[in-house]
N, C-alpha and C. Protein backbone atom coordinates (compact mmCIF):
# COMPACT_ATOMS: atom_id res chain seq x y z
N UNK A 1 0.73 55.20 3.71
CA UNK A 1 0.42 53.98 3.01
C UNK A 1 0.92 52.77 3.78
N UNK A 2 2.18 52.75 4.17
CA UNK A 2 2.70 51.67 5.00
C UNK A 2 2.77 50.35 4.28
N UNK A 3 2.35 49.29 4.98
CA UNK A 3 2.46 47.94 4.46
C UNK A 3 1.59 47.72 3.23
N UNK A 4 0.42 48.30 3.21
CA UNK A 4 -0.47 48.12 2.06
C UNK A 4 0.17 48.67 0.79
N UNK A 5 0.86 49.80 0.89
CA UNK A 5 1.53 50.38 -0.27
C UNK A 5 2.64 49.49 -0.78
N UNK A 6 3.42 48.90 0.12
CA UNK A 6 4.49 47.99 -0.29
C UNK A 6 3.92 46.73 -0.92
N UNK A 7 2.83 46.21 -0.33
CA UNK A 7 2.20 45.00 -0.85
C UNK A 7 1.66 45.24 -2.25
N UNK A 8 1.01 46.36 -2.44
CA UNK A 8 0.44 46.69 -3.74
C UNK A 8 1.54 46.92 -4.76
N UNK A 9 2.59 47.65 -4.39
CA UNK A 9 3.65 47.93 -5.35
C UNK A 9 4.41 46.67 -5.73
N UNK A 10 4.44 45.68 -4.84
CA UNK A 10 5.11 44.42 -5.15
C UNK A 10 4.35 43.65 -6.22
N UNK A 11 3.03 43.61 -6.16
CA UNK A 11 2.23 42.80 -7.08
C UNK A 11 1.81 43.55 -8.34
N UNK A 12 1.81 44.85 -8.31
CA UNK A 12 1.34 45.60 -9.48
C UNK A 12 2.45 45.71 -10.51
N UNK A 13 2.04 45.86 -11.76
CA UNK A 13 2.99 46.07 -12.84
C UNK A 13 3.50 47.50 -12.76
N UNK A 14 4.56 47.80 -13.51
CA UNK A 14 5.21 49.11 -13.40
C UNK A 14 4.28 50.25 -13.82
N UNK A 15 3.52 50.07 -14.87
CA UNK A 15 2.68 51.18 -15.34
C UNK A 15 1.31 51.20 -14.67
N UNK A 16 0.93 50.15 -13.99
CA UNK A 16 -0.40 50.09 -13.38
C UNK A 16 -0.62 51.16 -12.32
N UNK A 17 0.33 51.43 -11.40
CA UNK A 17 0.09 52.49 -10.43
C UNK A 17 -0.08 53.87 -11.06
N UNK A 18 0.65 54.11 -12.15
CA UNK A 18 0.54 55.41 -12.82
C UNK A 18 -0.86 55.59 -13.40
N UNK A 19 -1.37 54.55 -14.08
CA UNK A 19 -2.70 54.65 -14.67
C UNK A 19 -3.77 54.76 -13.59
N UNK A 20 -3.63 53.97 -12.53
CA UNK A 20 -4.63 54.00 -11.46
C UNK A 20 -4.61 55.33 -10.74
N UNK A 21 -3.43 55.90 -10.53
CA UNK A 21 -3.34 57.18 -9.84
C UNK A 21 -3.95 58.29 -10.68
N UNK A 22 -3.79 58.21 -12.00
CA UNK A 22 -4.36 59.24 -12.87
C UNK A 22 -5.88 59.16 -12.88
N UNK A 23 -6.42 57.97 -12.76
CA UNK A 23 -7.87 57.80 -12.82
C UNK A 23 -8.53 58.22 -11.51
N UNK A 24 -7.86 58.03 -10.37
CA UNK A 24 -8.50 58.19 -9.07
C UNK A 24 -8.02 59.41 -8.30
N UNK A 25 -7.67 60.47 -8.96
CA UNK A 25 -7.25 61.68 -8.26
C UNK A 25 -8.40 62.21 -7.41
N UNK A 26 -8.16 62.44 -6.14
CA UNK A 26 -9.17 62.96 -5.25
C UNK A 26 -10.16 61.94 -4.73
N UNK A 27 -9.96 60.65 -5.05
CA UNK A 27 -10.88 59.61 -4.59
C UNK A 27 -10.49 59.17 -3.17
N UNK A 28 -11.37 58.42 -2.55
CA UNK A 28 -11.12 57.89 -1.22
C UNK A 28 -9.97 56.87 -1.27
N UNK A 29 -9.26 56.67 -0.15
CA UNK A 29 -8.11 55.76 -0.16
C UNK A 29 -8.48 54.32 -0.53
N UNK A 30 -9.63 53.83 -0.06
CA UNK A 30 -9.98 52.45 -0.38
C UNK A 30 -10.31 52.28 -1.86
N UNK A 31 -10.82 53.32 -2.50
CA UNK A 31 -11.08 53.27 -3.94
C UNK A 31 -9.76 53.25 -4.71
N UNK A 32 -8.78 54.05 -4.26
CA UNK A 32 -7.46 54.04 -4.89
C UNK A 32 -6.82 52.67 -4.77
N UNK A 33 -6.91 52.06 -3.60
CA UNK A 33 -6.33 50.73 -3.39
C UNK A 33 -7.01 49.70 -4.29
N UNK A 34 -8.33 49.78 -4.41
CA UNK A 34 -9.05 48.86 -5.28
C UNK A 34 -8.60 49.02 -6.73
N UNK A 35 -8.42 50.23 -7.18
CA UNK A 35 -7.98 50.46 -8.57
C UNK A 35 -6.58 49.90 -8.79
N UNK A 36 -5.70 50.05 -7.80
CA UNK A 36 -4.35 49.50 -7.93
C UNK A 36 -4.38 47.98 -7.97
N UNK A 37 -5.20 47.38 -7.14
CA UNK A 37 -5.27 45.92 -7.10
C UNK A 37 -5.96 45.35 -8.33
N UNK A 38 -6.91 46.08 -8.89
CA UNK A 38 -7.62 45.60 -10.08
C UNK A 38 -6.69 45.50 -11.29
N UNK A 39 -5.62 46.29 -11.29
CA UNK A 39 -4.69 46.26 -12.41
C UNK A 39 -3.89 44.96 -12.44
N UNK A 40 -3.71 44.32 -11.31
CA UNK A 40 -2.94 43.08 -11.24
C UNK A 40 -3.61 42.14 -10.25
N UNK A 41 -4.68 41.48 -10.65
CA UNK A 41 -5.49 40.68 -9.75
C UNK A 41 -5.09 39.21 -9.70
N UNK A 42 -4.29 38.71 -10.65
CA UNK A 42 -3.99 37.29 -10.73
C UNK A 42 -3.35 36.72 -9.46
N UNK A 43 -2.33 37.37 -8.86
CA UNK A 43 -1.75 36.79 -7.64
C UNK A 43 -2.77 36.66 -6.51
N UNK A 44 -3.65 37.61 -6.39
CA UNK A 44 -4.66 37.56 -5.33
C UNK A 44 -5.68 36.46 -5.60
N UNK A 45 -6.00 36.25 -6.87
CA UNK A 45 -6.93 35.19 -7.24
C UNK A 45 -6.33 33.81 -6.94
N UNK A 46 -5.06 33.62 -7.28
CA UNK A 46 -4.40 32.34 -6.99
C UNK A 46 -4.30 32.11 -5.49
N UNK A 47 -3.97 33.14 -4.75
CA UNK A 47 -3.89 33.01 -3.29
C UNK A 47 -5.25 32.62 -2.71
N UNK A 48 -6.31 33.24 -3.24
CA UNK A 48 -7.65 32.91 -2.78
C UNK A 48 -8.03 31.46 -3.10
N UNK A 49 -7.68 30.99 -4.29
CA UNK A 49 -7.99 29.61 -4.67
C UNK A 49 -7.25 28.62 -3.78
N UNK A 50 -5.97 28.87 -3.53
CA UNK A 50 -5.18 27.98 -2.69
C UNK A 50 -5.72 27.98 -1.27
N UNK A 51 -6.05 29.14 -0.76
CA UNK A 51 -6.58 29.23 0.61
C UNK A 51 -7.91 28.51 0.74
N UNK A 52 -8.79 28.66 -0.25
CA UNK A 52 -10.08 27.98 -0.20
C UNK A 52 -9.91 26.46 -0.28
N UNK A 53 -8.99 26.00 -1.11
CA UNK A 53 -8.78 24.56 -1.24
C UNK A 53 -8.21 23.96 0.04
N UNK A 54 -7.24 24.63 0.62
CA UNK A 54 -6.66 24.13 1.87
C UNK A 54 -7.68 24.20 3.00
N UNK A 55 -8.48 25.24 3.02
CA UNK A 55 -9.52 25.37 4.04
C UNK A 55 -10.58 24.29 3.93
N UNK A 56 -10.96 23.95 2.69
CA UNK A 56 -11.94 22.89 2.49
C UNK A 56 -11.39 21.54 2.94
N UNK A 57 -10.14 21.26 2.59
CA UNK A 57 -9.54 20.00 2.99
C UNK A 57 -9.41 19.91 4.51
N UNK A 58 -9.03 21.00 5.15
CA UNK A 58 -8.91 21.01 6.62
C UNK A 58 -10.28 20.84 7.28
N UNK A 59 -11.30 21.47 6.72
CA UNK A 59 -12.64 21.33 7.28
C UNK A 59 -13.13 19.88 7.18
N UNK A 60 -12.91 19.25 6.03
CA UNK A 60 -13.34 17.87 5.86
C UNK A 60 -12.56 16.92 6.77
N UNK A 61 -11.28 17.18 6.94
CA UNK A 61 -10.49 16.35 7.86
C UNK A 61 -10.96 16.55 9.30
N UNK A 62 -11.25 17.77 9.66
CA UNK A 62 -11.76 18.04 11.00
C UNK A 62 -13.09 17.36 11.25
N UNK A 63 -13.97 17.37 10.25
CA UNK A 63 -15.25 16.67 10.39
C UNK A 63 -15.05 15.16 10.51
N UNK A 64 -14.04 14.63 9.83
CA UNK A 64 -13.77 13.19 9.92
C UNK A 64 -13.39 12.82 11.35
N UNK A 65 -12.49 13.58 11.95
CA UNK A 65 -12.06 13.28 13.32
C UNK A 65 -13.15 13.60 14.34
N UNK A 66 -13.97 14.61 14.05
CA UNK A 66 -15.09 14.91 14.94
C UNK A 66 -16.09 13.75 14.94
N UNK A 67 -16.39 13.23 13.74
CA UNK A 67 -17.29 12.09 13.65
C UNK A 67 -16.75 10.88 14.38
N UNK A 68 -15.45 10.67 14.30
CA UNK A 68 -14.82 9.56 15.00
C UNK A 68 -14.96 9.73 16.51
N UNK A 69 -14.75 10.94 16.99
CA UNK A 69 -14.85 11.19 18.43
C UNK A 69 -16.30 11.18 18.91
N UNK A 70 -17.21 11.73 18.10
CA UNK A 70 -18.61 11.85 18.50
C UNK A 70 -19.28 10.48 18.59
N UNK A 71 -18.90 9.57 17.72
CA UNK A 71 -19.55 8.25 17.67
C UNK A 71 -18.85 7.22 18.56
N UNK A 72 -18.05 7.64 19.50
CA UNK A 72 -17.37 6.70 20.38
C UNK A 72 -18.36 6.16 21.43
N UNK A 73 -18.01 5.05 21.98
CA UNK A 73 -18.84 4.49 23.05
C UNK A 73 -18.41 5.10 24.38
N UNK A 74 -19.31 5.13 25.32
CA UNK A 74 -18.96 5.67 26.63
C UNK A 74 -18.24 4.59 27.42
N UNK A 75 -17.28 5.01 28.17
CA UNK A 75 -16.51 4.08 28.97
C UNK A 75 -15.07 4.50 29.04
N UNK A 76 -14.26 3.70 29.72
CA UNK A 76 -12.86 4.04 29.92
C UNK A 76 -12.04 3.80 28.65
N UNK A 77 -12.43 2.83 27.84
CA UNK A 77 -11.69 2.56 26.62
C UNK A 77 -12.28 3.35 25.46
N UNK A 78 -11.46 3.58 24.47
CA UNK A 78 -11.90 4.35 23.30
C UNK A 78 -12.33 3.37 22.21
N UNK A 79 -13.61 3.08 22.17
CA UNK A 79 -14.18 2.23 21.13
C UNK A 79 -15.13 3.07 20.29
N UNK A 80 -15.07 2.85 18.99
CA UNK A 80 -15.88 3.65 18.06
C UNK A 80 -16.88 2.74 17.37
N UNK A 81 -18.12 3.20 17.27
CA UNK A 81 -19.16 2.45 16.56
C UNK A 81 -18.88 2.47 15.06
N UNK A 82 -19.53 1.60 14.34
CA UNK A 82 -19.29 1.48 12.90
C UNK A 82 -19.67 2.75 12.15
N UNK A 83 -20.69 3.46 12.62
CA UNK A 83 -21.08 4.72 11.98
C UNK A 83 -19.98 5.77 12.06
N UNK A 84 -19.26 5.79 13.15
CA UNK A 84 -18.14 6.72 13.30
C UNK A 84 -17.02 6.42 12.32
N UNK A 85 -16.74 5.12 12.14
CA UNK A 85 -15.70 4.76 11.18
C UNK A 85 -16.14 5.06 9.75
N UNK A 86 -17.42 4.89 9.46
CA UNK A 86 -17.93 5.23 8.11
C UNK A 86 -17.82 6.73 7.85
N UNK A 87 -18.21 7.53 8.84
CA UNK A 87 -18.10 8.99 8.69
C UNK A 87 -16.64 9.40 8.52
N UNK A 88 -15.75 8.76 9.29
CA UNK A 88 -14.33 9.06 9.18
C UNK A 88 -13.81 8.72 7.78
N UNK A 89 -14.20 7.56 7.26
CA UNK A 89 -13.73 7.14 5.94
C UNK A 89 -14.25 8.06 4.85
N UNK A 90 -15.52 8.40 4.90
CA UNK A 90 -16.11 9.25 3.86
C UNK A 90 -15.48 10.64 3.87
N UNK A 91 -15.38 11.24 5.04
CA UNK A 91 -14.81 12.59 5.12
C UNK A 91 -13.32 12.61 4.76
N UNK A 92 -12.59 11.58 5.13
CA UNK A 92 -11.17 11.52 4.78
C UNK A 92 -10.99 11.35 3.28
N UNK A 93 -11.81 10.52 2.67
CA UNK A 93 -11.73 10.35 1.21
C UNK A 93 -12.11 11.64 0.50
N UNK A 94 -13.14 12.32 0.98
CA UNK A 94 -13.52 13.60 0.36
C UNK A 94 -12.42 14.64 0.51
N UNK A 95 -11.77 14.68 1.65
CA UNK A 95 -10.67 15.62 1.87
C UNK A 95 -9.52 15.33 0.91
N UNK A 96 -9.14 14.09 0.81
CA UNK A 96 -8.05 13.70 -0.08
C UNK A 96 -8.44 13.94 -1.53
N UNK A 97 -9.66 13.62 -1.87
CA UNK A 97 -10.14 13.80 -3.24
C UNK A 97 -10.16 15.28 -3.63
N UNK A 98 -10.57 16.13 -2.72
CA UNK A 98 -10.60 17.56 -3.05
C UNK A 98 -9.19 18.10 -3.28
N UNK A 99 -8.21 17.57 -2.56
CA UNK A 99 -6.83 18.00 -2.79
C UNK A 99 -6.29 17.44 -4.11
N UNK A 100 -6.59 16.19 -4.39
CA UNK A 100 -6.07 15.56 -5.61
C UNK A 100 -6.62 16.23 -6.86
N UNK A 101 -7.89 16.62 -6.83
CA UNK A 101 -8.49 17.23 -8.01
C UNK A 101 -7.88 18.57 -8.36
N UNK A 102 -7.35 19.28 -7.39
CA UNK A 102 -6.88 20.64 -7.63
C UNK A 102 -5.37 20.81 -7.55
N UNK A 103 -4.64 19.75 -7.22
CA UNK A 103 -3.19 19.83 -7.14
C UNK A 103 -2.56 19.02 -8.27
N UNK A 104 -1.58 19.58 -8.92
CA UNK A 104 -0.87 18.91 -10.00
C UNK A 104 0.37 18.26 -9.41
N UNK A 105 0.26 16.98 -9.00
CA UNK A 105 1.33 16.29 -8.32
C UNK A 105 1.68 14.99 -9.03
N UNK A 106 2.88 14.48 -8.74
CA UNK A 106 3.27 13.18 -9.25
C UNK A 106 2.59 12.09 -8.42
N UNK A 107 2.73 10.85 -8.84
CA UNK A 107 2.11 9.74 -8.11
C UNK A 107 2.67 9.62 -6.70
N UNK A 108 3.98 9.76 -6.57
CA UNK A 108 4.60 9.68 -5.24
C UNK A 108 4.11 10.81 -4.34
N UNK A 109 3.97 12.00 -4.89
CA UNK A 109 3.49 13.13 -4.10
C UNK A 109 2.03 12.94 -3.70
N UNK A 110 1.22 12.35 -4.58
CA UNK A 110 -0.17 12.04 -4.22
C UNK A 110 -0.21 11.03 -3.07
N UNK A 111 0.68 10.06 -3.10
CA UNK A 111 0.75 9.08 -2.02
C UNK A 111 1.11 9.75 -0.70
N UNK A 112 2.06 10.69 -0.75
CA UNK A 112 2.47 11.41 0.46
C UNK A 112 1.31 12.25 0.99
N UNK A 113 0.58 12.92 0.09
CA UNK A 113 -0.58 13.72 0.52
C UNK A 113 -1.62 12.83 1.16
N UNK A 114 -1.88 11.65 0.57
CA UNK A 114 -2.84 10.72 1.14
C UNK A 114 -2.43 10.26 2.53
N UNK A 115 -1.15 9.97 2.71
CA UNK A 115 -0.66 9.56 4.04
C UNK A 115 -0.80 10.70 5.05
N UNK A 116 -0.50 11.91 4.62
CA UNK A 116 -0.63 13.06 5.53
C UNK A 116 -2.08 13.32 5.91
N UNK A 117 -2.99 13.17 4.96
CA UNK A 117 -4.41 13.38 5.24
C UNK A 117 -4.90 12.34 6.24
N UNK A 118 -4.53 11.09 6.03
CA UNK A 118 -5.00 10.03 6.92
C UNK A 118 -4.30 10.04 8.27
N UNK A 119 -3.12 10.62 8.34
CA UNK A 119 -2.41 10.66 9.63
C UNK A 119 -2.95 11.76 10.53
N UNK A 120 -3.68 12.68 9.97
CA UNK A 120 -4.32 13.72 10.77
C UNK A 120 -3.42 14.87 10.92
């Protein structure tokens, strides 16, 4: 079992492995693991929600900086056209907005998140 067994036993309730083991005698290992995880799915669901939210915010921030770089003028100096700044503003606001909608933070913490998003 190794690491998967320790991970499952950490998140599962005390009686869940007993019930799952009784149901899946002789089943394939991946079916047994699924039955054990199905007994206590909430931690995995929360982890998935947090990962998706952070991934969405990072993707939008990355698109903001990509738009800023893509819309630059050619030359030795770094000048950005107005379309690049508009794309940067829209994507940065969307990134910050997606975090604000799903995070339960105080006003000061929202301000800190906004500064971190805009600082890149």
